[in-house]
Protein backbone atom coordinates (compact mmCIF):
# COMPACT_ATOMS: atom_id res chain seq x y z
CA MET A 1 0.00 0.00 0.00
CA LYS A 2 1.26 3.47 -0.89
CA LYS A 3 1.94 5.68 2.11
CA HIS A 4 0.91 9.35 2.04
CA ASN A 5 3.11 11.47 4.32
CA PHE A 6 1.18 14.29 6.03
CA TYR A 7 3.66 14.85 8.88
CA ALA A 8 4.09 18.49 9.89
CA GLY A 9 7.86 18.30 10.20
CA PRO A 10 10.22 16.70 9.64
CA SER A 11 8.09 16.05 6.64
CA ILE A 12 7.81 14.87 3.07
CA LEU A 13 10.67 15.60 0.66
CA PRO A 14 10.74 15.24 -3.13
CA ASP A 15 11.77 11.81 -4.39
CA TYR A 16 14.41 13.65 -6.43
CA THR A 17 15.98 14.96 -3.21
CA ILE A 18 15.93 11.61 -1.44
CA GLU A 19 17.30 9.61 -4.39
CA ASN A 20 20.15 12.03 -5.16
CA THR A 21 21.09 12.29 -1.50
CA ILE A 22 21.21 8.50 -1.21
CA GLU A 23 23.61 8.34 -4.16
CA ALA A 24 25.79 11.06 -2.62
CA LEU A 25 25.92 9.13 0.63
CA LYS A 26 27.53 6.30 -1.32
CA ASP A 27 29.72 8.35 -3.67
CA PHE A 28 29.74 12.14 -3.60
CA ALA A 29 30.67 14.00 -6.80
CA GLY A 30 32.60 11.02 -8.16
CA MET A 31 35.14 11.30 -5.32
CA GLY A 32 34.80 7.67 -4.29
CA LEU A 33 33.87 8.92 -0.81
CA SER A 34 30.57 9.37 1.00
CA LEU A 35 29.07 12.82 1.45
CA LEU A 36 29.27 12.05 5.18
CA GLU A 37 33.06 11.81 5.20
CA ILE A 38 34.34 14.57 2.92
CA SER A 39 35.84 17.91 3.93
CA HIS A 40 33.37 20.78 3.97
CA ARG A 41 36.17 22.88 2.48
CA SER A 42 36.71 20.57 -0.48
CA LYS A 43 36.12 22.25 -3.82
CA GLN A 44 33.31 19.76 -4.50
CA PHE A 45 31.32 20.77 -1.42
CA VAL A 46 32.08 24.48 -1.70
CA ALA A 47 30.49 24.19 -5.13
CA VAL A 48 27.35 22.73 -3.48
CA VAL A 49 27.04 25.74 -1.15
CA ASP A 50 27.68 28.20 -3.98
CA GLU A 51 25.03 26.58 -6.17
CA ALA A 52 22.50 26.46 -3.34
CA VAL A 53 22.99 30.17 -2.65
CA ALA A 54 22.68 30.96 -6.36
CA LEU A 55 19.42 29.01 -6.63
CA PHE A 56 18.03 30.71 -3.52
CA LYS A 57 18.69 34.05 -5.18
CA GLU A 58 17.30 32.95 -8.54
CA LEU A 59 14.12 31.25 -7.31
CA LEU A 60 13.21 33.98 -4.84
CA GLN A 61 14.50 36.83 -7.03
CA ILE A 62 16.64 38.13 -4.17
CA PRO A 63 17.94 41.62 -5.03
CA GLU A 64 21.46 42.96 -4.59
CA GLY A 65 22.47 43.85 -1.06
CA TYR A 66 21.25 40.59 0.51
CA SER A 67 23.23 37.56 1.67
CA VAL A 68 22.09 33.94 2.00
CA ILE A 69 23.76 31.89 4.73
CA PHE A 70 23.32 28.39 6.14
CA LEU A 71 23.56 27.88 9.90
CA GLY A 72 22.90 25.25 12.55
CA GLY A 73 20.65 25.49 15.57
CA GLY A 74 17.29 25.52 13.83
CA ALA A 75 14.88 28.43 13.71
CA SER A 76 14.87 28.38 17.52
CA LEU A 77 18.44 29.71 17.59
CA GLN A 78 17.29 32.56 15.36
CA PHE A 79 14.84 33.59 18.08
CA CYS A 80 17.99 34.57 19.98
CA MET A 81 20.23 35.72 17.11
CA ILE A 82 17.66 38.16 15.73
CA PRO A 83 17.44 40.33 18.87
CA TYR A 84 21.13 39.81 19.67
CA ASN A 85 22.05 41.40 16.33
CA LEU A 86 19.18 43.83 15.80
CA LEU A 87 17.48 44.86 19.04
CA GLY A 88 18.90 48.08 20.44
CA LYS A 89 16.04 49.40 22.55
CA LYS A 90 12.70 48.04 21.33
CA ALA A 91 11.29 45.47 18.95
CA ALA A 92 7.74 44.78 17.76
CA TYR A 93 6.30 41.27 17.44
CA LEU A 94 3.07 39.79 16.11
CA ASN A 95 1.95 36.80 18.17
CA THR A 96 0.22 34.22 16.00
CA GLY A 97 1.17 30.96 17.67
CA GLU A 98 3.60 28.87 19.67
CA TRP A 99 6.71 29.70 17.66
CA ALA A 100 5.99 33.43 17.75
CA THR A 101 5.45 33.13 21.51
CA LYS A 102 8.86 31.51 21.89
CA ALA A 103 10.50 34.17 19.73
CA ILE A 104 8.94 36.88 21.92
CA LYS A 105 10.24 35.21 25.07
CA GLU A 106 13.81 35.21 23.72
CA ALA A 107 13.64 38.82 22.51
CA LYS A 108 12.62 40.06 25.97
CA MET A 109 16.10 39.13 27.20
CA PHE A 110 17.62 41.86 25.00
CA GLY A 111 15.29 44.83 25.34
CA GLU A 112 11.71 46.06 25.30
CA VAL A 113 9.26 44.01 23.26
CA SER A 114 5.98 45.44 22.02
CA VAL A 115 3.45 42.74 21.09
CA VAL A 116 1.40 44.75 18.59
CA GLY A 117 -1.23 42.07 18.01
CA SER A 118 -2.09 38.59 19.22
CA SER A 119 -4.63 35.88 18.43
CA GLU A 120 -3.99 34.02 21.67
CA ASP A 121 -7.45 34.98 22.93
CA LYS A 122 -8.99 32.49 20.46
CA ASN A 123 -6.29 29.82 20.60
CA PHE A 124 -4.51 31.40 17.63
CA ASN A 125 -7.26 30.63 15.13
CA TYR A 126 -6.99 33.91 13.21
CA ILE A 127 -4.42 36.42 11.94
CA PRO A 128 -4.56 39.72 13.88
CA ARG A 129 -5.16 42.88 11.85
CA GLY A 130 -5.57 46.58 12.52
CA TYR A 131 -2.53 46.81 14.78
CA GLU A 132 -0.01 49.64 14.82
CA ILE A 133 3.72 49.05 14.47
CA PRO A 134 5.77 51.48 16.61
CA ALA A 135 7.85 53.73 14.37
CA ASP A 136 10.71 53.64 16.88
CA ALA A 137 10.99 49.83 16.90
CA ASP A 138 14.27 48.39 15.67
CA TYR A 139 12.36 45.74 13.72
CA PHE A 140 8.98 44.02 13.39
CA HIS A 141 8.90 40.21 13.63
CA ILE A 142 6.23 37.93 12.16
CA THR A 143 5.76 34.18 11.75
CA THR A 144 4.19 33.77 8.34
CA ASN A 145 2.83 30.21 8.71
CA ASN A 146 1.70 28.59 11.92
CA THR A 147 2.10 24.84 11.67
CA ILE A 148 0.28 23.99 14.89
CA TYR A 149 -2.83 26.12 14.45
CA GLY A 150 -3.13 26.29 10.66
CA THR A 151 -3.04 30.01 9.94
CA GLU A 152 -0.88 31.76 7.36
CA ILE A 153 -0.02 35.32 6.33
CA LEU A 154 -0.32 35.14 2.56
CA GLU A 155 0.89 38.64 1.71
CA ASP A 156 4.09 40.63 2.10
CA LEU A 157 3.26 43.17 4.77
CA ASP A 158 4.21 46.84 4.62
CA SER A 159 6.20 47.86 7.67
CA PRO A 160 7.58 51.26 8.70
CA VAL A 161 10.52 49.48 10.35
CA PRO A 162 12.70 46.56 9.17
CA LEU A 163 10.54 43.46 8.73
CA VAL A 164 11.80 40.09 10.00
CA ALA A 165 9.97 36.87 9.10
CA ASP A 166 10.15 33.28 10.26
CA MET A 167 9.24 31.35 7.09
CA SER A 168 10.26 27.91 8.29
CA SER A 169 7.18 26.18 6.95
CA ASP A 170 6.12 28.16 3.87
CA ILE A 171 9.34 29.30 2.20
CA PHE A 172 9.25 28.64 -1.57
CA SER A 173 5.49 28.02 -1.45
CA ARG A 174 4.64 31.40 -3.01
CA PRO A 175 6.50 34.32 -4.59
CA ILE A 176 7.88 36.81 -2.05
CA ASP A 177 8.83 40.46 -2.46
CA ILE A 178 12.18 40.09 -0.72
CA SER A 179 12.76 43.85 -0.78
CA LYS A 180 10.09 44.26 1.93
CA TYR A 181 12.09 42.17 4.40
CA ALA A 182 15.26 42.77 6.38
CA ILE A 183 15.63 39.11 7.38
CA ILE A 184 13.84 35.92 6.37
CA TYR A 185 14.86 32.74 8.16
CA GLY A 186 13.68 29.21 8.71
CA GLY A 187 14.44 25.68 9.70
CA ALA A 188 14.72 23.44 6.66
CA GLN A 189 12.67 20.45 7.79
CA LYS A 190 9.40 21.44 6.10
CA ASN A 191 9.87 22.70 2.54
CA LEU A 192 13.58 22.34 1.94
CA ALA A 193 15.69 19.61 3.53
CA PRO A 194 16.12 17.27 6.51
CA ALA A 195 16.47 18.91 9.90
CA GLY A 196 19.91 20.25 10.72
CA VAL A 197 20.33 23.36 8.61
CA THR A 198 18.76 26.80 8.91
CA PHE A 199 18.64 29.33 6.08
CA VAL A 200 18.90 33.07 6.67
CA ILE A 201 18.32 35.68 3.97
CA ILE A 202 19.63 38.94 5.34
CA LYS A 203 19.81 42.51 4.12
CA ASN A 204 23.42 43.45 4.75
CA ASP A 205 22.87 47.05 5.79
CA ILE A 206 20.64 46.02 8.72
CA LEU A 207 23.70 44.84 10.65
CA GLY A 208 26.18 46.67 12.87
CA LYS A 209 23.70 49.01 14.55
CA VAL A 210 23.59 47.61 18.09
CA GLU A 211 26.18 48.62 20.66
CA ARG A 212 26.43 45.35 22.56
CA SER A 213 29.22 42.86 22.04
CA ILE A 214 28.00 39.77 20.20
CA PRO A 215 29.70 36.36 20.53
CA THR A 216 31.47 35.43 17.31
CA MET A 217 29.25 32.44 16.53
CA LEU A 218 26.07 34.46 17.07
CA LYS A 219 27.11 37.35 14.84
CA TYR A 220 25.56 37.31 11.38
CA SER A 221 28.52 39.17 9.89
CA THR A 222 30.78 36.28 10.92
CA HIS A 223 28.89 33.82 8.76
CA ILE A 224 28.37 36.23 5.88
CA SER A 225 32.08 37.00 5.66
CA LYS A 226 32.98 33.29 5.77
CA GLU A 227 30.19 32.28 3.35
CA SER A 228 28.65 29.83 5.84
CA MET A 229 32.04 28.20 6.42
CA PHE A 230 33.10 29.77 9.73
CA ASN A 231 32.67 26.38 11.36
CA THR A 232 31.76 23.01 9.88
CA PRO A 233 28.31 23.41 8.34
CA PRO A 234 25.65 20.66 8.29
CA VAL A 235 26.87 19.10 5.09
CA LEU A 236 24.15 16.52 4.41
CA PRO A 237 21.13 18.84 4.89
CA ILE A 238 22.75 21.52 2.71
CA PHE A 239 23.32 18.99 -0.06
CA ALA A 240 19.71 17.82 0.27
CA ALA A 241 18.53 21.44 0.18
CA LEU A 242 20.35 21.92 -3.12
CA GLN A 243 18.53 18.92 -4.57
CA THR A 244 15.18 20.36 -3.47
CA LEU A 245 16.06 23.70 -5.05
CA LYS A 246 16.92 21.94 -8.32
CA TRP A 247 13.64 20.03 -8.15
CA LEU A 248 11.74 23.25 -7.51
CA LYS A 249 13.32 24.89 -10.53
CA ASN A 250 12.45 21.85 -12.65
CA MET A 251 8.86 22.12 -11.42
CA GLY A 252 8.62 25.62 -12.87
CA GLY A 253 9.74 27.72 -9.92
CA VAL A 254 7.94 29.37 -7.04
CA ALA A 255 5.07 30.91 -9.02
CA GLU A 256 4.15 27.54 -10.48
CA MET A 257 4.47 25.93 -7.06
CA GLU A 258 1.99 28.44 -5.63
CA LYS A 259 -0.58 27.39 -8.24
CA ILE A 260 -0.13 23.75 -7.25
CA ASN A 261 -0.36 24.57 -3.55
CA ILE A 262 -3.58 26.53 -4.04
CA ARG A 263 -5.11 23.56 -5.89
CA LYS A 264 -4.11 21.12 -3.16
CA ALA A 265 -5.33 23.26 -0.29
CA SER A 266 -8.60 24.14 -2.07
CA LEU A 267 -9.34 20.48 -2.74
CA LEU A 268 -8.98 19.56 0.93
CA TYR A 269 -10.71 22.62 2.40
CA ASP A 270 -13.63 22.14 -0.01
CA GLU A 271 -14.05 18.56 1.20
CA ILE A 272 -13.90 19.64 4.85
CA GLU A 273 -16.65 22.18 4.15
CA ARG A 274 -18.75 19.60 2.29
CA ASN A 275 -18.24 16.61 4.56
CA SER A 276 -20.79 16.40 7.39
CA LEU A 277 -18.28 14.77 9.75
CA PHE A 278 -15.60 17.46 9.75
CA LYS A 279 -15.06 21.19 10.22
CA ALA A 280 -12.06 23.48 9.77
CA THR A 281 -10.47 24.96 12.90
CA ILE A 282 -9.80 28.33 11.21
CA PRO A 283 -13.10 30.17 10.60
CA ALA A 284 -11.89 32.89 8.20
CA LYS A 285 -10.94 31.44 4.82
CA GLU A 286 -8.41 34.22 4.18
CA ASP A 287 -6.48 33.14 7.30
CA ARG A 288 -6.27 29.45 6.46
CA SER A 289 -2.87 27.96 5.81
CA ARG A 290 -2.10 26.30 2.51
CA MET A 291 0.69 24.36 4.17
CA ASN A 292 -1.04 22.96 7.26
CA VAL A 293 -4.74 22.20 6.97
CA CYS A 294 -6.21 21.73 10.44
CA PHE A 295 -9.65 20.23 11.03
CA VAL A 296 -11.64 18.44 13.73
CA MET A 297 -14.74 16.28 13.96
CA ASN A 298 -17.94 18.27 13.56
CA GLU A 299 -20.35 18.75 16.45
CA GLY A 300 -22.07 15.49 17.26
CA PHE A 301 -19.29 13.36 15.78
CA GLU A 302 -16.48 13.99 18.27
CA GLN A 303 -16.55 10.37 19.43
CA PHE A 304 -15.25 9.27 16.01
CA GLU A 305 -11.93 11.13 16.21
CA LYS A 306 -9.73 8.18 17.12
CA GLU A 307 -11.68 5.87 14.85
CA PHE A 308 -11.14 8.13 11.85
CA ASN A 309 -7.44 8.52 12.60
CA ASP A 310 -7.09 4.73 12.77
CA PHE A 311 -9.17 4.33 9.60
CA ALA A 312 -7.05 6.86 7.72
CA THR A 313 -3.83 5.22 8.89
CA GLU A 314 -5.08 1.83 7.70
CA HIS A 315 -5.60 3.43 4.27
CA GLY A 316 -2.04 4.77 4.09
CA MET A 317 -2.56 8.29 5.52
CA ILE A 318 0.44 8.91 7.81
CA GLY A 319 0.94 11.75 10.29
CA LEU A 320 -2.60 13.16 10.30
CA LYS A 321 -3.02 13.49 14.06
CA GLY A 322 -3.34 17.14 15.09
CA HIS A 323 -1.16 18.89 17.63
CA ARG A 324 -2.30 18.45 21.22
CA SER A 325 -3.01 22.22 21.42
CA VAL A 326 -5.72 21.88 18.78
CA GLY A 327 -6.63 18.21 18.60
CA GLY A 328 -8.28 16.65 15.59
CA PHE A 329 -6.24 16.37 12.45
CA ARG A 330 -3.54 18.23 10.55
CA ALA A 331 -2.73 17.52 6.92
CA SER A 332 0.54 19.17 5.97
CA LEU A 333 0.60 19.95 2.25
CA TYR A 334 4.16 21.14 1.72
CA ASN A 335 5.62 21.61 -1.75
CA ALA A 336 6.66 17.97 -2.13
CA MET A 337 3.17 16.65 -1.30
CA PRO A 338 1.66 15.30 -4.54
CA TYR A 339 -1.84 16.37 -5.53
CA GLU A 340 -2.69 12.67 -5.78
CA SER A 341 -2.05 12.24 -2.05
CA VAL A 342 -4.57 14.95 -1.25
CA GLU A 343 -7.05 13.22 -3.55
CA ALA A 344 -6.41 9.99 -1.64
CA LEU A 345 -7.10 11.72 1.69
CA VAL A 346 -10.32 13.22 0.36
CA ALA A 347 -11.42 9.77 -0.82
CA VAL A 348 -10.76 8.34 2.66
CA MET A 349 -12.78 11.14 4.27
CA GLN A 350 -15.69 10.44 1.92
CA LYS A 351 -15.50 6.71 2.53
CA PHE A 352 -15.57 7.24 6.30
CA GLU A 353 -18.55 9.57 5.98
CA ASN A 354 -20.45 6.94 4.02
CA LEU A 355 -19.74 4.38 6.75
CA LYS A 356 -21.24 6.67 9.39
CA LYS A 357 -24.37 7.73 7.52
């Protein structure tokens, strides 16, 4: 039976990425050595980093004046590095979920934090609007996609201060106007590569404005000047990221991927709306994530939650169980998720409905 991988992260990767990475594990670049045992400073691996950076810039149309670097520590380390490097006196944050909450907690160690809007009052089931960003803030931080709760900011916001975005789970899923952002960062384990590498797209002139001393490893300029080679980088995830970038280009690029993602998400949300057994957890359609579709049993059918999860698993649907903060189900539809897998999930939902009629 074919398995359909709906895990929220680490999550599905393109077959192209997995197959090429397997080959490199056996023999990397014709060296007769595994990718796991070569020097990160070898010309063969430096070429991997250079090509990955070039494809980042090409696919996202990153303008001059920005750097792309690869770091360790996951997006969680960026919760610290962002304020360490940027926060002089005050920063503004939008609280849309658990990861934004954690970023806010870290930033408070470095200065004043103004939470300009929050959806915590309704268990993060909407995107706040109508807030005011302080003009004297050093930066404004947002989390564009919220994997746990299933909301997503699907536009590039206008900000009077430098805009910083955690795009761990929706990078490359839609075109982005990079010029509106000072920093975009994310862990790779959703839309890019296995866990272990973090990407940071950074506008160079945003740096060097805080007075505090910053440890060498936590200073963005360190990694920019050394082109991600200050210390040994996570070699395997970077190689896998390059394969995903190549796959994405072969698929037609980010604009084409957005069309596919809209089709996938629409198919599933339409079935949730139609199916008498289920309901979406995010009321406003404009706030619903394309990457993480969250839904629960409808009123009167709550007792079937475990039964449906078991039924779906028996039919090859893997990783559908929702986060404990929300319950129900979460179908993660990242770039590598085939449309056919979403069709298979919809068919299972319809079959289960027919059993319960």
